[in-house]
Protein backbone atom coordinates (compact mmCIF):
# COMPACT_ATOMS: atom_id res chain seq x y z
CA MET A 1 56.27 18.26 6.78
CA ILE A 2 53.34 15.97 7.45
CA ASP A 3 52.47 17.85 10.64
CA ARG A 4 52.50 21.13 8.76
CA ILE A 5 50.05 19.75 6.20
CA ARG A 6 47.78 18.36 8.90
CA ASN A 7 47.73 21.66 10.74
CA ASN A 8 47.21 23.66 7.57
CA GLN A 9 43.95 25.61 7.65
CA LEU A 10 42.99 24.77 4.04
CA TRP A 11 43.64 21.07 4.62
CA GLN A 12 41.51 21.02 7.74
CA LEU A 13 38.63 22.75 5.94
CA ILE A 14 38.81 20.29 3.04
CA LEU A 15 38.86 17.35 5.47
CA ALA A 16 35.95 18.72 7.50
CA ASN A 17 33.81 19.33 4.41
CA THR A 18 34.64 15.88 3.05
CA LEU A 19 33.59 14.16 6.27
CA GLU A 20 30.42 16.26 6.39
CA LYS A 21 29.39 15.17 2.91
CA VAL A 22 30.34 11.54 3.34
CA ARG A 23 28.27 11.30 6.53
CA GLU A 24 25.17 12.64 4.79
CA PRO A 25 23.03 9.75 3.48
CA GLY A 26 21.32 11.93 0.89
CA VAL A 27 24.61 12.75 -0.82
CA LEU A 28 25.63 9.11 -0.89
CA PHE A 29 22.28 8.04 -2.29
CA TRP A 30 22.01 10.63 -5.09
CA GLY A 31 25.69 10.48 -5.97
CA ILE A 32 26.24 6.73 -5.80
CA GLY A 33 23.08 4.77 -5.05
CA PHE A 34 20.66 6.43 -7.46
CA PRO A 35 22.82 6.06 -10.61
CA ILE A 36 23.45 2.41 -9.75
CA LEU A 37 19.74 1.73 -9.18
CA MET A 38 18.84 3.46 -12.45
CA SER A 39 21.49 1.44 -14.30
CA ILE A 40 20.25 -1.84 -12.82
CA GLY A 41 16.57 -1.11 -13.45
CA LEU A 42 16.86 0.25 -16.98
CA GLY A 43 19.57 -2.26 -17.83
CA LEU A 44 17.33 -5.19 -16.91
CA ALA A 45 14.45 -3.68 -18.86
CA PHE A 46 16.19 -2.67 -22.09
CA THR A 47 19.51 -4.50 -22.39
CA ARG A 48 19.62 -6.62 -25.50
CA LYS A 49 18.86 -10.23 -24.60
CA PRO A 50 20.23 -13.28 -26.43
CA GLU A 51 16.65 -14.21 -27.29
CA SER A 52 13.89 -11.64 -27.59
CA VAL A 53 10.25 -12.58 -27.12
CA ARG A 54 7.50 -10.71 -28.94
CA HIS A 55 3.91 -11.36 -27.92
CA VAL A 56 1.25 -11.25 -30.63
CA GLY A 57 -2.49 -11.60 -30.23
CA LEU A 58 -4.05 -14.31 -32.41
CA ILE A 59 -7.77 -13.64 -32.58
CA SER A 60 -9.54 -16.91 -31.91
CA ALA A 61 -12.39 -18.31 -29.88
CA ASP A 62 -10.04 -20.96 -28.51
CA THR A 63 -7.35 -20.58 -25.86
CA GLY A 64 -3.71 -21.51 -25.94
CA SER A 65 -0.58 -20.26 -27.62
CA TYR A 66 1.61 -20.96 -30.60
CA SER A 67 5.31 -20.06 -30.78
CA ILE A 68 7.50 -19.42 -33.80
CA VAL A 69 11.24 -19.23 -33.27
CA LEU A 70 13.51 -17.42 -35.72
CA LYS A 71 17.14 -18.37 -35.18
CA ASP A 72 19.74 -15.78 -36.10
CA ASP A 73 23.36 -16.05 -34.95
CA LYS A 74 24.06 -12.39 -35.73
CA LEU A 75 20.93 -10.60 -34.48
CA GLY A 76 19.93 -13.13 -31.85
CA ASN A 77 16.96 -15.48 -31.76
CA THR A 78 13.46 -14.05 -31.86
CA THR A 79 10.46 -15.91 -30.49
CA PHE A 80 7.01 -14.82 -31.61
CA ARG A 81 4.47 -16.06 -29.13
CA LEU A 82 1.01 -16.03 -30.70
CA GLU A 83 -1.47 -16.07 -27.84
CA LYS A 84 -5.01 -16.99 -28.74
CA MET A 85 -7.56 -14.53 -27.41
CA GLN A 86 -10.78 -12.81 -28.35
CA TRP A 87 -10.82 -9.35 -29.92
CA GLU A 88 -11.90 -7.56 -26.73
CA GLU A 89 -9.08 -9.12 -24.72
CA ALA A 90 -6.59 -8.28 -27.48
CA MET A 91 -7.54 -4.60 -27.27
CA VAL A 92 -6.97 -4.62 -23.50
CA GLN A 93 -3.58 -6.33 -23.90
CA LEU A 94 -2.70 -3.84 -26.62
CA LYS A 95 -3.43 -0.87 -24.34
CA ARG A 96 -1.39 -2.39 -21.53
CA GLY A 97 1.57 -2.83 -23.85
CA HIS A 98 1.63 -6.64 -23.56
CA ILE A 99 1.14 -7.07 -27.32
CA ASN A 100 1.55 -4.64 -30.20
CA VAL A 101 0.11 -6.63 -33.12
CA ALA A 102 -3.17 -8.53 -33.44
CA VAL A 103 -3.63 -11.14 -36.17
CA THR A 104 -6.98 -12.32 -37.50
CA LEU A 105 -7.51 -15.37 -39.67
CA GLU A 106 -9.36 -14.52 -42.89
CA ASP A 107 -10.36 -16.76 -45.79
CA SER A 108 -7.78 -15.01 -47.97
CA GLY A 109 -4.98 -15.22 -45.42
CA TYR A 110 -3.80 -13.33 -42.37
CA ARG A 111 -4.84 -9.79 -41.51
CA TYR A 112 -2.44 -7.80 -39.32
CA HIS A 113 -3.85 -5.09 -37.05
CA PHE A 114 -1.38 -2.63 -35.53
CA ASP A 115 -0.71 1.06 -35.06
CA PRO A 116 1.36 2.23 -38.05
CA MET A 117 2.88 4.97 -35.87
CA ASN A 118 4.34 2.39 -33.49
CA PRO A 119 7.86 1.42 -34.67
CA ASP A 120 7.95 -1.65 -32.42
CA ALA A 121 4.72 -2.91 -33.98
CA GLN A 122 6.15 -2.28 -37.44
CA LEU A 123 9.23 -4.34 -36.60
CA THR A 124 7.09 -7.17 -35.29
CA TYR A 125 5.06 -7.20 -38.51
CA VAL A 126 8.11 -7.01 -40.78
CA ARG A 127 9.81 -9.97 -39.09
CA LEU A 128 6.73 -12.10 -38.41
CA SER A 129 4.66 -11.77 -41.59
CA PRO A 130 7.08 -13.47 -44.04
CA VAL A 131 7.22 -16.50 -41.74
CA LEU A 132 3.58 -16.65 -40.72
CA ASN A 133 2.28 -16.18 -44.24
CA ARG A 134 3.87 -19.48 -45.27
CA ILE A 135 2.24 -21.49 -42.49
CA PRO A 136 -1.21 -22.81 -43.48
CA LEU A 137 -4.16 -21.44 -41.56
CA THR A 138 -5.11 -24.93 -40.45
CA ASP A 139 -1.83 -25.24 -38.55
CA LEU A 140 -2.77 -22.31 -36.36
CA ILE A 141 -6.41 -23.27 -36.00
CA ARG A 142 -5.57 -26.91 -35.24
CA PRO A 143 -1.86 -27.08 -34.38
CA PRO A 144 -0.21 -30.48 -34.61
CA ALA A 145 0.03 -32.43 -31.39
CA PRO A 146 3.35 -31.75 -29.69
CA GLU A 147 5.74 -34.62 -29.30
CA SER A 148 6.42 -33.76 -25.66
CA ASN A 149 4.21 -32.47 -22.86
CA ARG A 150 4.54 -28.84 -23.91
CA ASP A 151 1.47 -26.65 -23.65
CA ASP A 152 2.06 -25.01 -27.00
CA SER A 153 3.38 -25.95 -30.44
CA ILE A 154 6.82 -24.68 -31.39
CA VAL A 155 7.71 -24.06 -35.02
CA THR A 156 11.31 -23.16 -35.76
CA ALA A 157 12.50 -21.74 -39.05
CA SER A 158 14.03 -25.08 -40.03
CA GLU A 159 10.84 -27.00 -39.19
CA ALA A 160 8.79 -24.56 -41.23
CA LYS A 161 11.10 -25.14 -44.19
CA GLN A 162 10.69 -28.93 -43.92
CA ARG A 163 6.92 -28.78 -43.51
CA HIS A 164 6.31 -26.08 -46.11
CA PRO A 165 8.60 -26.21 -49.16
CA GLY A 166 9.55 -22.83 -50.56
CA TYR A 167 9.62 -21.30 -47.09
CA GLU A 168 12.88 -19.42 -47.70
CA GLU A 169 11.95 -18.13 -51.14
CA ASP A 170 11.86 -14.32 -51.11
CA LEU A 171 10.42 -13.75 -47.65
CA SER A 172 9.69 -10.14 -48.53
CA ALA A 173 7.32 -11.04 -51.33
CA GLU A 174 3.63 -10.32 -51.05
CA THR A 175 1.67 -13.37 -50.01
CA GLY A 176 -1.85 -12.15 -49.77
CA SER A 177 -1.69 -10.78 -46.24
CA GLU A 178 -3.48 -7.56 -45.42
CA ILE A 179 -2.61 -4.74 -43.06
CA GLU A 180 -5.28 -2.84 -41.21
CA SER A 181 -4.36 0.38 -39.48
CA LEU A 182 -5.32 0.11 -35.82
CA THR A 183 -5.90 3.43 -34.09
CA VAL A 184 -7.75 2.39 -30.96
CA THR A 185 -8.29 5.01 -28.28
CA GLY A 186 -5.82 4.55 -25.47
CA THR A 187 -2.97 2.94 -27.38
CA ARG A 188 -0.71 6.01 -27.65
CA TYR A 189 2.28 6.41 -25.37
CA ILE A 190 0.81 9.57 -23.85
CA ASP A 191 -2.30 7.55 -22.92
CA PHE A 192 -0.01 5.14 -21.07
CA LEU A 193 2.07 7.90 -19.47
CA ILE A 194 -0.53 10.25 -17.93
CA PRO A 195 -2.10 7.71 -15.50
CA GLY A 196 1.38 6.74 -14.37
CA MET A 197 2.28 10.38 -13.81
CA ILE A 198 -0.82 10.82 -11.65
CA ALA A 199 0.13 7.80 -9.53
CA MET A 200 3.73 8.95 -9.21
CA GLY A 201 2.55 12.43 -8.22
CA VAL A 202 0.52 10.93 -5.37
CA MET A 203 3.51 8.96 -4.13
CA PHE A 204 5.99 11.83 -4.19
CA SER A 205 3.49 14.31 -2.79
CA CYS A 206 2.70 12.09 0.21
CA LEU A 207 6.22 10.92 0.93
CA TRP A 208 7.92 14.29 0.51
CA GLY A 209 5.10 16.74 1.22
CA LEU A 210 3.93 14.80 4.26
CA GLY A 211 6.72 12.57 5.53
CA TYR A 212 9.67 14.85 4.92
CA ASN A 213 7.72 17.87 6.17
CA ILE A 214 7.19 16.13 9.53
CA ILE A 215 10.90 15.29 9.78
CA ASP A 216 11.90 18.84 8.88
CA THR A 217 9.49 20.30 11.43
CA ARG A 218 10.82 17.96 14.11
CA SER A 219 14.44 18.86 13.28
CA LYS A 220 13.63 22.55 13.78
CA LYS A 221 12.30 21.80 17.28
CA LEU A 222 8.82 22.97 16.29
CA LEU A 223 6.97 19.75 17.08
CA ARG A 224 8.11 19.74 20.69
CA ARG A 225 6.30 23.03 21.25
CA MET A 226 3.02 21.27 20.48
CA ILE A 227 3.40 18.92 23.45
CA ALA A 228 2.14 21.70 25.75
CA THR A 229 -1.13 21.88 23.80
CA PRO A 230 -4.04 19.45 24.34
CA MET A 231 -3.61 18.09 20.83
CA LYS A 232 -3.75 14.45 19.89
CA ARG A 233 -1.12 13.00 17.61
CA SER A 234 -3.80 11.39 15.48
CA ASN A 235 -5.60 14.71 14.93
CA TYR A 236 -2.35 16.40 13.93
CA LEU A 237 -1.47 13.70 11.43
CA VAL A 238 -4.98 13.34 9.99
CA ALA A 239 -5.12 17.11 9.46
CA MET A 240 -1.88 16.96 7.48
CA ILE A 241 -3.18 14.02 5.43
CA THR A 242 -6.40 15.90 4.64
CA VAL A 243 -4.54 18.98 3.41
CA ARG A 244 -2.22 16.83 1.32
CA LEU A 245 -5.20 14.95 -0.17
CA VAL A 246 -6.87 18.21 -1.25
CA MET A 247 -3.63 19.40 -2.85
CA ASN A 248 -3.19 16.08 -4.66
CA VAL A 249 -6.73 16.29 -6.05
CA ILE A 250 -6.05 19.79 -7.40
CA GLU A 251 -2.75 18.68 -8.94
CA ALA A 252 -4.33 15.61 -10.55
CA VAL A 253 -7.28 17.57 -11.94
CA LEU A 254 -4.93 20.14 -13.49
CA LEU A 255 -2.83 17.38 -15.08
CA VAL A 256 -5.90 15.62 -16.50
CA LEU A 257 -7.25 18.93 -17.80
CA PHE A 258 -3.95 19.69 -19.50
CA ALA A 259 -3.81 16.19 -21.03
CA TRP A 260 -7.36 16.60 -22.34
CA LEU A 261 -6.67 19.99 -23.90
CA ALA A 262 -3.24 19.14 -25.30
CA PHE A 263 -3.61 15.48 -26.29
CA GLY A 264 -7.34 14.75 -26.28
CA ILE A 265 -7.08 12.20 -23.45
CA THR A 266 -10.40 11.19 -21.92
CA ILE A 267 -11.41 8.94 -19.03
CA GLN A 268 -13.14 5.89 -20.51
CA GLY A 269 -13.98 4.15 -17.25
CA ASN A 270 -16.00 4.77 -14.13
CA ILE A 271 -15.36 8.15 -12.45
CA PRO A 272 -16.47 7.08 -8.93
CA ALA A 273 -14.12 4.08 -9.17
CA LEU A 274 -11.31 6.46 -10.09
CA LEU A 275 -12.06 8.69 -7.10
CA ILE A 276 -12.12 5.72 -4.71
CA LEU A 277 -8.87 4.36 -6.13
CA PHE A 278 -7.25 7.81 -5.95
CA LEU A 279 -8.33 8.14 -2.30
CA ALA A 280 -6.97 4.65 -1.54
CA GLY A 281 -3.64 5.57 -3.11
CA ASN A 282 -3.41 8.70 -0.98
CA ILE A 283 -4.21 6.68 2.15
CA ALA A 284 -1.52 4.12 1.29
CA PHE A 285 1.30 6.57 0.64
CA SER A 286 0.26 8.88 3.47
CA GLY A 287 0.51 5.95 5.86
CA ILE A 288 3.91 4.98 4.44
CA GLY A 289 5.10 8.59 4.67
CA ILE A 290 4.07 8.89 8.32
CA PHE A 291 5.71 5.55 9.13
CA LEU A 292 9.00 6.73 7.58
CA ALA A 293 8.81 10.04 9.47
CA CYS A 294 7.57 8.78 12.82
CA HIS A 295 10.85 8.64 14.68
CA THR A 296 13.86 10.33 13.12
CA SER A 297 14.68 14.00 13.57
CA LYS A 298 17.55 14.11 11.06
CA THR A 299 16.59 15.33 7.60
CA GLU A 300 19.50 13.45 6.05
CA ILE A 301 18.24 10.11 7.36
CA GLY A 302 14.66 10.95 6.37
CA ASN A 303 15.88 11.88 2.89
CA ALA A 304 17.57 8.50 2.55
CA PHE A 305 14.52 6.60 3.85
CA ILE A 306 12.16 8.27 1.38
CA ASN A 307 14.53 7.81 -1.56
CA VAL A 308 15.08 4.13 -0.80
CA VAL A 309 11.32 3.58 -0.83
CA SER A 310 10.28 5.83 -3.73
CA MET A 311 13.04 5.49 -6.31
CA PRO A 312 12.86 1.72 -6.87
CA MET A 313 9.09 1.96 -7.31
CA MET A 314 9.47 4.85 -9.74
CA ILE A 315 11.76 2.70 -11.90
CA LEU A 316 10.01 -0.66 -11.56
CA SER A 317 6.30 0.14 -11.36
CA GLY A 318 5.58 0.88 -15.00
CA ILE A 319 5.35 4.67 -14.88
CA PHE A 320 7.35 5.48 -18.01
CA PHE A 321 7.38 2.06 -19.68
CA SER A 322 5.67 -1.28 -19.19
CA TYR A 323 7.17 -3.34 -16.38
CA HIS A 324 6.77 -6.38 -18.63
CA ASN A 325 10.10 -5.31 -20.15
CA PHE A 326 11.72 -6.71 -17.01
CA PRO A 327 12.57 -10.43 -16.73
CA HIS A 328 9.64 -12.73 -16.06
CA TRP A 329 10.88 -13.61 -12.58
CA ALA A 330 10.64 -9.94 -11.58
CA ILE A 331 6.97 -9.45 -12.58
CA PRO A 332 5.45 -11.16 -9.49
CA ILE A 333 7.68 -8.95 -7.32
CA ILE A 334 6.74 -5.72 -9.11
CA GLN A 335 2.97 -6.18 -9.32
CA PRO A 336 2.23 -6.09 -5.53
CA LEU A 337 4.10 -2.78 -5.07
CA PRO A 338 1.74 0.05 -4.00
CA LEU A 339 2.76 2.30 -6.90
CA THR A 340 2.26 -0.54 -9.39
CA MET A 341 -1.24 -1.27 -8.13
CA LEU A 342 -2.17 2.42 -8.15
CA ALA A 343 -0.73 3.06 -11.63
CA ASP A 344 -2.30 -0.10 -13.11
CA GLY A 345 -5.66 0.74 -11.54
CA ILE A 346 -5.72 4.34 -12.78
CA ARG A 347 -4.51 3.24 -16.21
CA SER A 348 -7.22 0.58 -16.46
CA ILE A 349 -9.89 3.22 -15.77
CA PHE A 350 -8.41 5.74 -18.17
CA ILE A 351 -7.76 3.55 -21.20
CA GLU A 352 -9.54 0.23 -20.61
CA GLY A 353 -12.89 1.47 -19.34
CA ALA A 354 -12.61 -0.36 -16.02
CA GLY A 355 -15.15 0.13 -13.25
CA MET A 356 -15.76 -0.73 -9.62
CA ALA A 357 -15.46 -4.47 -10.11
CA GLN A 358 -11.99 -4.25 -11.65
CA THR A 359 -10.55 -1.74 -9.15
CA ALA A 360 -12.19 -2.91 -5.90
CA ILE A 361 -9.38 -5.28 -4.88
CA PRO A 362 -6.50 -2.83 -5.58
CA SER A 363 -8.40 -0.09 -3.74
CA LEU A 364 -8.96 -2.37 -0.74
CA ILE A 365 -5.32 -3.50 -0.63
CA LEU A 366 -4.03 0.08 -0.85
CA THR A 367 -6.40 1.21 1.89
CA ILE A 368 -5.35 -1.62 4.22
CA THR A 369 -1.69 -0.88 3.48
CA GLY A 370 -2.15 2.77 4.43
CA VAL A 371 -4.11 2.00 7.60
CA VAL A 372 -1.51 -0.52 8.81
CA PHE A 373 1.43 1.82 8.22
CA PHE A 374 -0.46 4.75 9.74
CA THR A 375 -1.30 2.73 12.85
CA VAL A 376 2.29 1.60 13.35
CA GLY A 377 3.61 5.09 12.62
CA LEU A 378 1.18 6.62 15.11
CA LYS A 379 2.38 4.23 17.83
CA LEU A 380 6.04 5.08 17.16
CA PHE A 381 5.51 8.79 16.55
CA LYS A 382 7.46 11.15 18.76
CA TRP A 383 7.28 14.92 19.04
CA HIS A 384 11.01 15.50 19.49
């Protein structure tokens, strides 16, 4: 009976197709690896934590920070970290998504500045204002000396009650605070998204349009025909990079034009700095693409290589949401990624008004990264 099943034509076809799919890295990645990576990345970024931390800008000429902890056994503890900064710095942090509310100290009380269309900013105001309004201004201007060696002063809900009688009395009541609608250019989600989309487009265009194209051409035995010609490998690769760069420029210009017409997005920073940074990003990902495609002739392996490199960066590098949603220990790992540097640099020019001075280091690092990977890929490159 078993021999009859093994020799059955349908069984053999099912077994052959199963083995074919299992041996293909692309199928394994998209069917198993990609969902797991997405679950890990988005889970770390958005899973409810036992204690949430909300950063608030406290407009002050001094430096330092002041933390208020609200303890709640049902909803979880919430820490409001009031970071002292000047108004200009607060606007930059607001555009980057590090803070969503700015607080100024007025003679009549606190004034809260936030975008009324931002639900996260509304929640921060609703939970913070009843507590903050019952802390005297002098406590924030000159916080009491901490008992330990902490850098900031911590005020818990119970401490606030002891220091300020009546703290728990009708926290929703009006206490003289004022709200000022803050509609600063560059604080919308679409303003955050478009620069990230440009950076991601450069990465995918170079890795797939350049790297995978080389692997596919090699698998079709077309590259080996070029050995008979007096053509240098470097000239062949640089020609492909040049064509890809021109196409990326056209794609980016069309995206920016659409964003300007549809959403009124403008470039607030230095245009030459943007062009240099864009060129550096293309050099970096072109070099990485050539390095990934330098040796293999199997499209399945090339597919897996490109996905392993591109997908984690797409999730981690702050394209669709701020990477500051990830745990603090992950931030130093995420920031040096090529896509993170390119997205942060383009975003700083678009919405923060950055220029050459602010983008020179990221542009230099991206250029060096591309040159190193291109050089290694050129050494290992094979025609067949």
